[in-house]
């Protein structure tokens, strides 16, 4: 058995997560990961029968869930993962804009990201993002990439779902997950009928009002 979070919107219009226990199949193949994603979705459905869950990753069996994978999304021609990694500023180096021009996996594994000291901030489009609120920077660039990578019709399809999972996300190892980001988009669609154009300041206002506990 394993436990993973599912993200959804509360009656108070807050992004919340619930821990879901489900059957886990060990292994690293894509087929096994897809089975685990299926198992997680089934567990969500059992715990909340009215839920309409969607897996957000390349392991999703729904085309929309796969299109929303961070490894497939692009902004200004660059993969989201590359933007995130290349924006990191450390105590002893960074940011590293050359990481925009390698594969997402190469960017994530670049040794400088581990050998440059503690993470201090992010720099994106000339604007510095602090480490607090947690996940705000990642969620912001995720929204930008979704706006550019998906059609307005595809973005509206997110409204067909209520709960969002990411089988690749382990909260014991990281804090950012595309499932939370999509839950935020779902809430924006409820509130504004679209993903609004947001500055850093306006997005942080949204984040503090609807995402932070």
N, C-alpha and C. Protein backbone atom coordinates (compact mmCIF):
# COMPACT_ATOMS: atom_id res chain seq x y z
N UNK A 1 0.84 -1.20 0.00
CA UNK A 1 0.00 0.00 0.00
C UNK A 1 0.88 1.25 0.00
N UNK A 2 0.35 2.34 -0.54
CA UNK A 2 1.06 3.61 -0.57
C UNK A 2 0.05 4.73 -0.31
N UNK A 3 0.57 5.91 -0.02
CA UNK A 3 -0.28 7.07 0.21
C UNK A 3 0.21 8.23 -0.67
N UNK A 4 -0.72 8.89 -1.33
CA UNK A 4 -0.41 10.05 -2.14
C UNK A 4 -1.54 11.08 -1.98
N UNK A 5 -1.22 12.36 -2.18
CA UNK A 5 -2.26 13.38 -2.05
C UNK A 5 -3.09 13.52 -3.32
N UNK A 6 -4.34 13.91 -3.13
CA UNK A 6 -5.19 14.33 -4.23
C UNK A 6 -5.59 15.77 -3.91
N UNK A 7 -5.60 16.62 -4.94
CA UNK A 7 -5.89 18.04 -4.74
C UNK A 7 -7.27 18.37 -5.30
N UNK A 8 -8.00 19.17 -4.54
CA UNK A 8 -9.34 19.55 -4.96
C UNK A 8 -9.69 20.91 -4.34
N UNK A 9 -10.93 21.34 -4.55
CA UNK A 9 -11.39 22.64 -4.06
C UNK A 9 -12.44 22.42 -2.98
N UNK A 10 -12.24 23.06 -1.84
CA UNK A 10 -13.18 22.92 -0.74
C UNK A 10 -14.42 23.77 -0.97
N UNK A 11 -15.42 23.58 -0.12
CA UNK A 11 -16.64 24.40 -0.21
C UNK A 11 -16.33 25.87 0.05
N UNK A 12 -15.24 26.13 0.76
CA UNK A 12 -14.82 27.50 1.07
C UNK A 12 -13.94 28.09 -0.04
N UNK A 13 -13.87 27.42 -1.18
CA UNK A 13 -13.06 27.86 -2.32
C UNK A 13 -11.57 27.94 -1.96
N UNK A 14 -11.09 26.90 -1.31
CA UNK A 14 -9.67 26.78 -0.98
C UNK A 14 -9.12 25.53 -1.66
N UNK A 15 -7.86 25.62 -2.09
CA UNK A 15 -7.19 24.43 -2.61
C UNK A 15 -6.75 23.59 -1.42
N UNK A 16 -7.22 22.37 -1.37
CA UNK A 16 -6.88 21.48 -0.27
C UNK A 16 -6.35 20.16 -0.82
N UNK A 17 -5.67 19.41 0.02
CA UNK A 17 -5.20 18.08 -0.38
C UNK A 17 -5.67 17.05 0.64
N UNK A 18 -5.90 15.86 0.16
CA UNK A 18 -6.30 14.75 1.02
C UNK A 18 -5.37 13.57 0.73
N UNK A 19 -4.93 12.91 1.78
CA UNK A 19 -4.08 11.74 1.62
C UNK A 19 -4.93 10.52 1.28
N UNK A 20 -4.57 9.84 0.22
CA UNK A 20 -5.33 8.68 -0.24
C UNK A 20 -4.43 7.44 -0.18
N UNK A 21 -4.91 6.40 0.42
CA UNK A 21 -4.18 5.14 0.47
C UNK A 21 -4.67 4.24 -0.67
N UNK A 22 -3.72 3.62 -1.37
CA UNK A 22 -4.10 2.79 -2.52
C UNK A 22 -3.10 1.67 -2.71
N UNK A 23 -3.48 0.70 -3.50
CA UNK A 23 -2.59 -0.43 -3.79
C UNK A 23 -1.46 0.00 -4.71
N UNK A 24 -0.24 -0.36 -4.34
CA UNK A 24 0.95 0.05 -5.07
C UNK A 24 1.62 -1.15 -5.70
N UNK A 25 1.96 -1.03 -6.98
CA UNK A 25 2.68 -2.08 -7.69
C UNK A 25 4.10 -1.60 -7.89
N UNK A 26 5.07 -2.30 -7.34
CA UNK A 26 6.47 -1.87 -7.46
C UNK A 26 6.97 -2.06 -8.89
N UNK A 27 7.91 -1.23 -9.28
CA UNK A 27 8.47 -1.30 -10.62
C UNK A 27 8.59 0.07 -11.24
N UNK A 28 9.45 0.19 -12.25
CA UNK A 28 9.74 1.49 -12.85
C UNK A 28 9.22 1.63 -14.27
N UNK A 29 8.62 0.59 -14.82
CA UNK A 29 8.13 0.67 -16.20
C UNK A 29 6.94 1.61 -16.28
N UNK A 30 6.73 2.19 -17.46
CA UNK A 30 5.60 3.09 -17.65
C UNK A 30 4.29 2.36 -17.43
N UNK A 31 4.20 1.11 -17.85
CA UNK A 31 2.98 0.34 -17.69
C UNK A 31 2.63 0.17 -16.21
N UNK A 32 3.65 -0.10 -15.39
CA UNK A 32 3.39 -0.26 -13.96
C UNK A 32 2.99 1.07 -13.32
N UNK A 33 3.62 2.15 -13.75
CA UNK A 33 3.26 3.46 -13.21
C UNK A 33 1.83 3.85 -13.60
N UNK A 34 1.43 3.47 -14.81
CA UNK A 34 0.06 3.75 -15.23
C UNK A 34 -0.94 2.95 -14.41
N UNK A 35 -0.57 1.72 -14.06
CA UNK A 35 -1.44 0.92 -13.20
C UNK A 35 -1.55 1.54 -11.81
N UNK A 36 -0.45 2.08 -11.31
CA UNK A 36 -0.50 2.75 -10.02
C UNK A 36 -1.37 4.01 -10.08
N UNK A 37 -1.26 4.74 -11.19
CA UNK A 37 -2.11 5.92 -11.37
C UNK A 37 -3.58 5.52 -11.39
N UNK A 38 -3.88 4.41 -12.07
CA UNK A 38 -5.26 3.90 -12.11
C UNK A 38 -5.73 3.53 -10.71
N UNK A 39 -4.85 2.88 -9.95
CA UNK A 39 -5.19 2.46 -8.59
C UNK A 39 -5.48 3.66 -7.71
N UNK A 40 -4.68 4.71 -7.85
CA UNK A 40 -4.90 5.93 -7.08
C UNK A 40 -6.23 6.58 -7.44
N UNK A 41 -6.52 6.67 -8.72
CA UNK A 41 -7.79 7.25 -9.15
C UNK A 41 -8.98 6.45 -8.63
N UNK A 42 -8.87 5.13 -8.64
CA UNK A 42 -9.94 4.28 -8.12
C UNK A 42 -10.15 4.51 -6.63
N UNK A 43 -9.05 4.69 -5.91
CA UNK A 43 -9.14 4.94 -4.46
C UNK A 43 -9.80 6.29 -4.19
N UNK A 44 -9.48 7.29 -5.01
CA UNK A 44 -10.14 8.59 -4.87
C UNK A 44 -11.63 8.44 -5.09
N UNK A 45 -12.00 7.68 -6.12
CA UNK A 45 -13.41 7.49 -6.45
C UNK A 45 -14.15 6.76 -5.32
N UNK A 46 -13.48 5.80 -4.70
CA UNK A 46 -14.10 5.06 -3.61
C UNK A 46 -14.31 5.94 -2.38
N UNK A 47 -13.34 6.81 -2.11
CA UNK A 47 -13.44 7.66 -0.93
C UNK A 47 -14.43 8.80 -1.15
N UNK A 48 -14.52 9.25 -2.40
CA UNK A 48 -15.45 10.35 -2.73
C UNK A 48 -16.19 9.98 -4.01
N UNK A 49 -17.32 9.28 -3.89
CA UNK A 49 -18.03 8.76 -5.07
C UNK A 49 -18.41 9.82 -6.10
N UNK A 50 -18.60 11.06 -5.67
CA UNK A 50 -18.99 12.11 -6.61
C UNK A 50 -17.80 12.73 -7.33
N UNK A 51 -16.59 12.33 -6.97
CA UNK A 51 -15.39 12.93 -7.56
C UNK A 51 -15.25 12.56 -9.03
N UNK A 52 -14.67 13.47 -9.78
CA UNK A 52 -14.29 13.22 -11.17
C UNK A 52 -12.79 13.46 -11.25
N UNK A 53 -11.99 12.44 -10.92
CA UNK A 53 -10.53 12.63 -10.80
C UNK A 53 -9.82 12.56 -12.14
N UNK A 54 -8.68 13.26 -12.20
CA UNK A 54 -7.84 13.26 -13.40
C UNK A 54 -6.39 13.16 -12.98
N UNK A 55 -5.68 12.19 -13.53
CA UNK A 55 -4.24 12.07 -13.32
C UNK A 55 -3.52 13.08 -14.21
N UNK A 56 -2.61 13.86 -13.60
CA UNK A 56 -1.86 14.88 -14.33
C UNK A 56 -0.42 14.42 -14.45
N UNK A 57 -0.10 13.74 -15.52
CA UNK A 57 1.28 13.29 -15.78
C UNK A 57 1.30 12.58 -17.11
N UNK A 58 2.49 12.20 -17.53
CA UNK A 58 2.62 11.43 -18.76
C UNK A 58 2.04 10.02 -18.59
N UNK A 59 1.71 9.63 -17.36
CA UNK A 59 1.13 8.32 -17.10
C UNK A 59 -0.39 8.34 -17.15
N UNK A 60 -0.97 9.50 -17.44
CA UNK A 60 -2.42 9.61 -17.50
C UNK A 60 -2.96 8.91 -18.72
N UNK A 61 -4.09 8.24 -18.57
CA UNK A 61 -4.74 7.60 -19.70
C UNK A 61 -5.65 8.59 -20.45
N UNK A 62 -5.86 9.76 -19.88
CA UNK A 62 -6.64 10.81 -20.53
C UNK A 62 -5.69 11.74 -21.27
N UNK A 63 -6.02 12.08 -22.50
CA UNK A 63 -5.13 12.94 -23.28
C UNK A 63 -4.93 14.30 -22.61
N UNK A 64 -5.96 14.83 -21.97
CA UNK A 64 -5.83 16.12 -21.29
C UNK A 64 -4.83 16.03 -20.15
N UNK A 65 -4.89 14.95 -19.37
CA UNK A 65 -3.95 14.78 -18.27
C UNK A 65 -2.52 14.69 -18.74
N UNK A 66 -2.31 14.02 -19.87
CA UNK A 66 -0.95 13.91 -20.42
C UNK A 66 -0.47 15.25 -20.98
N UNK A 67 -1.37 16.00 -21.62
CA UNK A 67 -0.99 17.31 -22.16
C UNK A 67 -0.61 18.28 -21.04
N UNK A 68 -1.16 18.08 -19.86
CA UNK A 68 -0.88 18.96 -18.73
C UNK A 68 0.38 18.55 -17.97
N UNK A 69 1.07 17.52 -18.45
CA UNK A 69 2.32 17.11 -17.81
C UNK A 69 3.36 18.22 -17.94
N UNK A 70 4.06 18.50 -16.85
CA UNK A 70 5.07 19.56 -16.84
C UNK A 70 6.19 19.29 -17.84
N UNK A 71 6.43 18.01 -18.14
CA UNK A 71 7.50 17.68 -19.07
C UNK A 71 7.11 17.94 -20.53
N UNK A 72 5.82 18.21 -20.78
CA UNK A 72 5.37 18.48 -22.14
C UNK A 72 5.01 19.94 -22.36
N UNK A 73 4.75 20.68 -21.30
CA UNK A 73 4.34 22.07 -21.43
C UNK A 73 5.51 22.97 -21.80
N UNK A 74 5.20 23.99 -22.61
CA UNK A 74 6.23 24.95 -23.01
C UNK A 74 5.73 26.38 -22.79
N UNK A 75 6.70 27.27 -22.53
CA UNK A 75 6.42 28.70 -22.46
C UNK A 75 7.52 29.42 -23.21
N UNK A 76 7.11 30.24 -24.17
CA UNK A 76 8.06 30.97 -25.02
C UNK A 76 9.07 30.02 -25.69
N UNK A 77 8.59 28.84 -26.02
CA UNK A 77 9.42 27.88 -26.74
C UNK A 77 10.27 26.98 -25.88
N UNK A 78 10.26 27.18 -24.57
CA UNK A 78 11.08 26.38 -23.66
C UNK A 78 10.20 25.50 -22.79
N UNK A 79 10.69 24.30 -22.51
CA UNK A 79 9.94 23.40 -21.64
C UNK A 79 9.86 23.98 -20.23
N UNK A 80 8.72 23.75 -19.59
CA UNK A 80 8.49 24.24 -18.24
C UNK A 80 9.59 23.79 -17.28
N UNK A 81 9.97 22.53 -17.36
CA UNK A 81 11.01 22.00 -16.47
C UNK A 81 12.31 22.77 -16.64
N UNK A 82 12.66 23.10 -17.88
CA UNK A 82 13.88 23.86 -18.14
C UNK A 82 13.80 25.27 -17.55
N UNK A 83 12.64 25.88 -17.68
CA UNK A 83 12.47 27.23 -17.12
C UNK A 83 12.65 27.18 -15.61
N UNK A 84 12.04 26.20 -14.99
CA UNK A 84 12.12 26.10 -13.52
C UNK A 84 13.56 25.90 -13.06
N UNK A 85 14.26 24.96 -13.67
CA UNK A 85 15.62 24.66 -13.24
C UNK A 85 16.58 25.81 -13.57
N UNK A 86 16.41 26.44 -14.73
CA UNK A 86 17.32 27.50 -15.15
C UNK A 86 17.13 28.79 -14.36
N UNK A 87 16.02 28.90 -13.64
CA UNK A 87 15.73 30.12 -12.88
C UNK A 87 16.27 30.09 -11.46
N UNK A 88 16.82 28.98 -11.03
CA UNK A 88 17.25 28.84 -9.64
C UNK A 88 18.50 29.67 -9.34
N UNK A 89 18.47 30.37 -8.21
CA UNK A 89 19.62 31.13 -7.73
C UNK A 89 20.07 30.52 -6.41
N UNK A 90 21.38 30.23 -6.32
CA UNK A 90 21.94 29.60 -5.13
C UNK A 90 22.91 30.56 -4.44
N UNK A 91 23.35 30.16 -3.28
CA UNK A 91 24.31 31.00 -2.54
C UNK A 91 25.64 31.11 -3.28
N UNK A 92 25.96 30.11 -4.09
CA UNK A 92 27.25 30.10 -4.79
C UNK A 92 27.13 30.04 -6.30
N UNK A 93 26.01 30.44 -6.84
CA UNK A 93 25.89 30.42 -8.29
C UNK A 93 24.45 30.52 -8.76
N UNK A 94 24.30 30.62 -10.10
CA UNK A 94 22.98 30.71 -10.69
C UNK A 94 22.54 32.16 -10.82
N UNK A 95 21.52 32.39 -11.59
CA UNK A 95 20.79 31.38 -12.35
C UNK A 95 21.63 30.86 -13.52
N UNK A 96 21.16 29.73 -14.13
CA UNK A 96 21.90 29.08 -15.20
C UNK A 96 21.04 29.02 -16.46
N UNK A 97 20.98 30.13 -17.23
CA UNK A 97 20.10 30.18 -18.40
C UNK A 97 20.46 29.19 -19.49
N UNK A 98 21.68 28.67 -19.49
CA UNK A 98 22.04 27.68 -20.51
C UNK A 98 21.21 26.41 -20.37
N UNK A 99 20.61 26.19 -19.21
CA UNK A 99 19.78 25.00 -19.01
C UNK A 99 18.48 25.05 -19.81
N UNK A 100 18.20 26.21 -20.38
CA UNK A 100 17.03 26.31 -21.26
C UNK A 100 17.22 25.51 -22.55
N UNK A 101 18.47 25.21 -22.89
CA UNK A 101 18.78 24.67 -24.21
C UNK A 101 19.19 23.20 -24.19
N UNK A 102 18.84 22.50 -23.12
CA UNK A 102 19.09 21.06 -23.06
C UNK A 102 17.74 20.37 -22.86
N UNK A 103 17.75 19.06 -22.78
CA UNK A 103 16.50 18.35 -22.55
C UNK A 103 16.03 18.58 -21.12
N UNK A 104 14.73 18.44 -20.84
CA UNK A 104 14.24 18.61 -19.47
C UNK A 104 14.95 17.69 -18.47
N UNK A 105 15.23 16.46 -18.86
CA UNK A 105 15.90 15.54 -17.94
C UNK A 105 17.33 15.98 -17.67
N UNK A 106 18.01 16.48 -18.72
CA UNK A 106 19.38 16.98 -18.53
C UNK A 106 19.39 18.19 -17.61
N UNK A 107 18.41 19.07 -17.79
CA UNK A 107 18.34 20.26 -16.95
C UNK A 107 18.15 19.88 -15.48
N UNK A 108 17.27 18.93 -15.24
CA UNK A 108 16.96 18.53 -13.87
C UNK A 108 18.15 17.87 -13.19
N UNK A 109 19.00 17.20 -13.97
CA UNK A 109 20.12 16.45 -13.40
C UNK A 109 21.45 17.22 -13.44
N UNK A 110 21.43 18.46 -13.91
CA UNK A 110 22.68 19.22 -14.00
C UNK A 110 23.35 19.32 -12.63
N UNK A 111 24.63 18.99 -12.56
CA UNK A 111 25.34 18.93 -11.28
C UNK A 111 25.43 20.28 -10.58
N UNK A 112 25.38 21.37 -11.33
CA UNK A 112 25.45 22.69 -10.71
C UNK A 112 24.28 22.94 -9.77
N UNK A 113 23.16 22.30 -10.04
CA UNK A 113 21.98 22.48 -9.19
C UNK A 113 22.18 21.85 -7.81
N UNK A 114 23.18 20.98 -7.72
CA UNK A 114 23.46 20.31 -6.44
C UNK A 114 24.75 20.82 -5.80
N UNK A 115 25.58 21.50 -6.59
CA UNK A 115 26.90 21.91 -6.10
C UNK A 115 27.06 23.41 -5.94
N UNK A 116 25.97 24.15 -5.97
CA UNK A 116 26.06 25.61 -5.89
C UNK A 116 25.57 26.17 -4.57
N UNK A 117 25.44 25.33 -3.58
CA UNK A 117 25.00 25.80 -2.27
C UNK A 117 23.49 25.76 -2.11
N UNK A 118 23.00 26.46 -1.11
CA UNK A 118 21.58 26.45 -0.79
C UNK A 118 20.78 27.29 -1.79
N UNK A 119 19.58 26.84 -2.09
CA UNK A 119 18.68 27.60 -2.96
C UNK A 119 18.23 28.87 -2.24
N UNK A 120 18.37 30.02 -2.92
CA UNK A 120 18.01 31.31 -2.31
C UNK A 120 16.74 31.92 -2.90
N UNK A 121 16.57 31.78 -4.21
CA UNK A 121 15.46 32.45 -4.89
C UNK A 121 15.37 31.94 -6.32
N UNK A 122 14.45 32.51 -7.09
CA UNK A 122 14.32 32.25 -8.51
C UNK A 122 14.35 33.59 -9.24
N UNK A 123 14.83 33.58 -10.48
CA UNK A 123 14.79 34.78 -11.31
C UNK A 123 14.17 34.40 -12.65
N UNK A 124 13.04 35.01 -12.96
CA UNK A 124 12.29 34.69 -14.17
C UNK A 124 11.87 35.99 -14.85
N UNK A 125 12.24 36.14 -16.11
CA UNK A 125 11.92 37.34 -16.88
C UNK A 125 12.37 38.60 -16.16
N UNK A 126 13.53 38.52 -15.50
CA UNK A 126 14.10 39.66 -14.80
C UNK A 126 13.48 39.96 -13.45
N UNK A 127 12.54 39.13 -13.01
CA UNK A 127 11.86 39.34 -11.73
C UNK A 127 12.29 38.26 -10.74
N UNK A 128 12.66 38.68 -9.56
CA UNK A 128 13.09 37.74 -8.51
C UNK A 128 11.90 37.25 -7.71
N UNK A 129 11.85 35.95 -7.52
CA UNK A 129 10.82 35.31 -6.70
C UNK A 129 11.48 34.72 -5.46
N UNK A 130 10.98 35.06 -4.30
CA UNK A 130 11.49 34.51 -3.06
C UNK A 130 11.01 33.06 -2.90
N UNK A 131 11.57 32.36 -1.93
CA UNK A 131 11.19 30.96 -1.70
C UNK A 131 9.84 30.84 -0.99
N UNK A 132 9.36 31.92 -0.43
CA UNK A 132 8.05 31.95 0.19
C UNK A 132 7.16 32.94 -0.57
N UNK A 133 5.88 32.64 -0.81
CA UNK A 133 5.20 31.41 -0.40
C UNK A 133 5.70 30.19 -1.18
N UNK A 134 5.77 29.07 -0.50
CA UNK A 134 6.23 27.83 -1.13
C UNK A 134 5.34 27.48 -2.32
N UNK A 135 5.94 26.99 -3.37
CA UNK A 135 5.35 26.53 -4.63
C UNK A 135 4.80 27.66 -5.49
N UNK A 136 4.79 28.90 -5.01
CA UNK A 136 4.19 30.00 -5.79
C UNK A 136 4.87 30.19 -7.13
N UNK A 137 6.21 30.18 -7.14
CA UNK A 137 6.92 30.40 -8.41
C UNK A 137 6.61 29.28 -9.40
N UNK A 138 6.69 28.04 -8.95
CA UNK A 138 6.42 26.91 -9.84
C UNK A 138 4.99 27.00 -10.38
N UNK A 139 4.04 27.26 -9.51
CA UNK A 139 2.64 27.32 -9.95
C UNK A 139 2.44 28.44 -10.96
N UNK A 140 3.12 29.57 -10.77
CA UNK A 140 2.98 30.71 -11.68
C UNK A 140 3.47 30.37 -13.08
N UNK A 141 4.67 29.80 -13.17
CA UNK A 141 5.18 29.48 -14.51
C UNK A 141 4.40 28.33 -15.14
N UNK A 142 3.83 27.46 -14.29
CA UNK A 142 2.98 26.38 -14.81
C UNK A 142 1.75 27.00 -15.50
N UNK A 143 1.12 27.98 -14.85
CA UNK A 143 -0.04 28.64 -15.45
C UNK A 143 0.32 29.28 -16.78
N UNK A 144 1.48 29.94 -16.83
CA UNK A 144 1.93 30.58 -18.06
C UNK A 144 2.09 29.55 -19.18
N UNK A 145 2.68 28.40 -18.84
CA UNK A 145 2.91 27.37 -19.84
C UNK A 145 1.61 26.75 -20.33
N UNK A 146 0.66 26.56 -19.42
CA UNK A 146 -0.64 26.02 -19.83
C UNK A 146 -1.35 26.99 -20.78
N UNK A 147 -1.30 28.27 -20.46
CA UNK A 147 -1.94 29.27 -21.33
C UNK A 147 -1.37 29.23 -22.75
N UNK A 148 -0.07 28.98 -22.86
CA UNK A 148 0.57 29.00 -24.17
C UNK A 148 0.47 27.64 -24.89
N UNK A 149 0.45 26.55 -24.14
CA UNK A 149 0.55 25.22 -24.74
C UNK A 149 -0.80 24.61 -25.09
N UNK A 150 -1.85 24.96 -24.36
CA UNK A 150 -3.17 24.39 -24.59
C UNK A 150 -4.09 25.41 -25.23
N UNK A 151 -5.05 24.94 -25.97
CA UNK A 151 -6.05 25.83 -26.55
C UNK A 151 -7.04 26.26 -25.47
N UNK A 152 -7.74 27.37 -25.68
CA UNK A 152 -8.77 27.77 -24.71
C UNK A 152 -9.80 26.67 -24.47
N UNK A 153 -10.12 25.92 -25.52
CA UNK A 153 -11.09 24.83 -25.38
C UNK A 153 -10.55 23.72 -24.49
N UNK A 154 -9.26 23.39 -24.65
CA UNK A 154 -8.66 22.36 -23.81
C UNK A 154 -8.59 22.81 -22.37
N UNK A 155 -8.27 24.08 -22.14
CA UNK A 155 -8.22 24.60 -20.78
C UNK A 155 -9.61 24.50 -20.13
N UNK A 156 -10.64 24.81 -20.87
CA UNK A 156 -12.00 24.73 -20.31
C UNK A 156 -12.39 23.30 -19.95
N UNK A 157 -11.77 22.31 -20.61
CA UNK A 157 -12.07 20.91 -20.30
C UNK A 157 -11.68 20.54 -18.87
N UNK A 158 -10.77 21.30 -18.27
CA UNK A 158 -10.38 21.04 -16.89
C UNK A 158 -11.59 21.13 -15.96
N UNK A 159 -12.58 21.90 -16.35
CA UNK A 159 -13.79 22.05 -15.53
C UNK A 159 -14.60 20.76 -15.44
N UNK A 160 -14.29 19.80 -16.30
CA UNK A 160 -15.00 18.52 -16.26
C UNK A 160 -14.51 17.64 -15.11
N UNK A 161 -13.46 18.07 -14.41
CA UNK A 161 -12.86 17.25 -13.35
C UNK A 161 -12.85 18.03 -12.04
N UNK A 162 -12.82 17.28 -10.94
CA UNK A 162 -12.89 17.91 -9.61
C UNK A 162 -11.69 17.60 -8.73
N UNK A 163 -11.01 16.49 -8.99
CA UNK A 163 -9.89 16.05 -8.16
C UNK A 163 -8.69 15.74 -9.08
N UNK A 164 -7.49 16.07 -8.59
CA UNK A 164 -6.31 15.97 -9.45
C UNK A 164 -5.17 15.25 -8.72
N UNK A 165 -4.60 14.26 -9.40
CA UNK A 165 -3.52 13.46 -8.84
C UNK A 165 -2.28 13.55 -9.72
N UNK A 166 -1.16 13.16 -9.15
CA UNK A 166 0.13 13.14 -9.86
C UNK A 166 0.92 11.96 -9.29
N UNK A 167 0.87 10.84 -9.97
CA UNK A 167 1.48 9.62 -9.44
C UNK A 167 2.99 9.76 -9.25
N UNK A 168 3.61 10.69 -9.95
CA UNK A 168 5.05 10.88 -9.83
C UNK A 168 5.43 11.74 -8.62
N UNK A 169 4.45 12.38 -8.01
CA UNK A 169 4.73 13.31 -6.90
C UNK A 169 4.79 12.58 -5.57
N UNK A 170 5.91 12.73 -4.89
CA UNK A 170 6.07 12.19 -3.54
C UNK A 170 6.34 13.36 -2.61
N UNK A 171 5.38 13.73 -1.76
CA UNK A 171 5.55 14.91 -0.90
C UNK A 171 6.69 14.78 0.11
N UNK A 172 7.21 13.57 0.29
CA UNK A 172 8.36 13.40 1.17
C UNK A 172 9.66 13.83 0.49
N UNK A 173 9.62 13.99 -0.85
CA UNK A 173 10.84 14.31 -1.59
C UNK A 173 10.79 15.67 -2.27
N UNK A 174 9.62 16.23 -2.49
CA UNK A 174 9.51 17.51 -3.18
C UNK A 174 8.25 18.23 -2.73
N UNK A 175 8.13 19.50 -3.13
CA UNK A 175 6.95 20.27 -2.73
C UNK A 175 6.09 20.68 -3.92
N UNK A 176 6.67 20.70 -5.11
CA UNK A 176 5.92 21.15 -6.29
C UNK A 176 5.24 19.98 -6.98
N UNK A 177 4.01 20.19 -7.39
CA UNK A 177 3.31 19.16 -8.15
C UNK A 177 2.33 19.80 -9.12
N UNK A 178 2.31 19.26 -10.32
CA UNK A 178 1.39 19.75 -11.35
C UNK A 178 -0.07 19.53 -10.95
N UNK A 179 -0.34 18.57 -10.08
CA UNK A 179 -1.72 18.33 -9.64
C UNK A 179 -2.26 19.52 -8.86
N UNK A 180 -1.45 20.09 -7.97
CA UNK A 180 -1.88 21.29 -7.25
C UNK A 180 -2.08 22.45 -8.22
N UNK A 181 -1.15 22.59 -9.16
CA UNK A 181 -1.25 23.68 -10.12
C UNK A 181 -2.54 23.60 -10.93
N UNK A 182 -2.93 22.40 -11.34
CA UNK A 182 -4.16 22.24 -12.12
C UNK A 182 -5.38 22.51 -11.25
N UNK A 183 -5.32 22.14 -9.98
CA UNK A 183 -6.42 22.47 -9.08
C UNK A 183 -6.59 23.99 -8.98
N UNK A 184 -5.48 24.71 -8.99
CA UNK A 184 -5.55 26.18 -8.98
C UNK A 184 -6.21 26.70 -10.26
N UNK A 185 -5.85 26.09 -11.40
CA UNK A 185 -6.49 26.49 -12.65
C UNK A 185 -7.99 26.22 -12.60
N UNK A 186 -8.35 25.07 -12.06
CA UNK A 186 -9.78 24.72 -11.93
C UNK A 186 -10.51 25.78 -11.11
N UNK A 187 -9.89 26.25 -10.04
CA UNK A 187 -10.52 27.29 -9.21
C UNK A 187 -10.60 28.61 -9.98
N UNK A 188 -9.56 28.95 -10.73
CA UNK A 188 -9.59 30.18 -11.53
C UNK A 188 -10.72 30.13 -12.55
N UNK A 189 -10.93 28.97 -13.15
CA UNK A 189 -12.02 28.84 -14.11
C UNK A 189 -13.37 29.03 -13.44
N UNK A 190 -13.50 28.58 -12.20
CA UNK A 190 -14.73 28.80 -11.44
C UNK A 190 -14.92 30.29 -11.13
N UNK A 191 -13.82 30.93 -10.74
CA UNK A 191 -13.91 32.32 -10.29
C UNK A 191 -13.97 33.32 -11.43
N UNK A 192 -13.19 33.06 -12.50
CA UNK A 192 -13.02 34.06 -13.56
C UNK A 192 -13.41 33.56 -14.95
N UNK A 193 -13.77 32.27 -15.07
CA UNK A 193 -14.12 31.64 -16.35
C UNK A 193 -12.92 31.51 -17.29
N UNK A 194 -11.73 31.86 -16.83
CA UNK A 194 -10.52 31.73 -17.63
C UNK A 194 -9.31 31.81 -16.71
N UNK A 195 -8.12 31.57 -17.27
CA UNK A 195 -6.91 31.85 -16.52
C UNK A 195 -6.59 33.33 -16.76
N UNK A 196 -6.72 34.16 -15.75
CA UNK A 196 -6.49 35.59 -15.98
C UNK A 196 -5.01 35.90 -16.17
N UNK A 197 -4.72 37.04 -16.78
CA UNK A 197 -3.35 37.51 -16.89
C UNK A 197 -2.94 38.08 -15.53
N UNK A 198 -1.94 37.47 -14.92
CA UNK A 198 -1.56 37.85 -13.57
C UNK A 198 -0.10 38.28 -13.49
N UNK A 199 0.15 39.38 -12.82
CA UNK A 199 1.52 39.74 -12.48
C UNK A 199 1.96 38.90 -11.29
N UNK A 200 3.24 38.97 -10.95
CA UNK A 200 3.74 38.27 -9.77
C UNK A 200 2.92 38.66 -8.54
N UNK A 201 2.71 39.95 -8.35
CA UNK A 201 2.02 40.43 -7.15
C UNK A 201 0.57 39.93 -7.11
N UNK A 202 -0.12 39.99 -8.25
CA UNK A 202 -1.51 39.55 -8.26
C UNK A 202 -1.62 38.05 -8.07
N UNK A 203 -0.66 37.29 -8.63
CA UNK A 203 -0.70 35.86 -8.42
C UNK A 203 -0.46 35.51 -6.96
N UNK A 204 0.48 36.17 -6.31
CA UNK A 204 0.74 35.90 -4.90
C UNK A 204 -0.49 36.25 -4.06
N UNK A 205 -1.20 37.31 -4.43
CA UNK A 205 -2.45 37.63 -3.73
C UNK A 205 -3.44 36.48 -3.86
N UNK A 206 -3.57 35.95 -5.08
CA UNK A 206 -4.45 34.80 -5.30
C UNK A 206 -3.99 33.61 -4.47
N UNK A 207 -2.69 33.35 -4.51
CA UNK A 207 -2.11 32.20 -3.81
C UNK A 207 -2.38 32.29 -2.31
N UNK A 208 -2.15 33.46 -1.74
CA UNK A 208 -2.34 33.63 -0.31
C UNK A 208 -3.81 33.54 0.09
N UNK A 209 -4.69 33.92 -0.82
CA UNK A 209 -6.13 33.88 -0.51
C UNK A 209 -6.73 32.49 -0.67
N UNK A 210 -6.22 31.71 -1.64
CA UNK A 210 -6.91 30.46 -1.97
C UNK A 210 -6.07 29.19 -1.82
N UNK A 211 -4.77 29.32 -1.72
CA UNK A 211 -3.92 28.12 -1.67
C UNK A 211 -3.34 27.88 -0.29
N UNK A 212 -2.86 28.93 0.35
CA UNK A 212 -2.26 28.77 1.68
C UNK A 212 -3.32 28.44 2.71
N UNK A 213 -2.98 27.56 3.65
CA UNK A 213 -3.92 27.23 4.74
C UNK A 213 -3.99 28.39 5.72
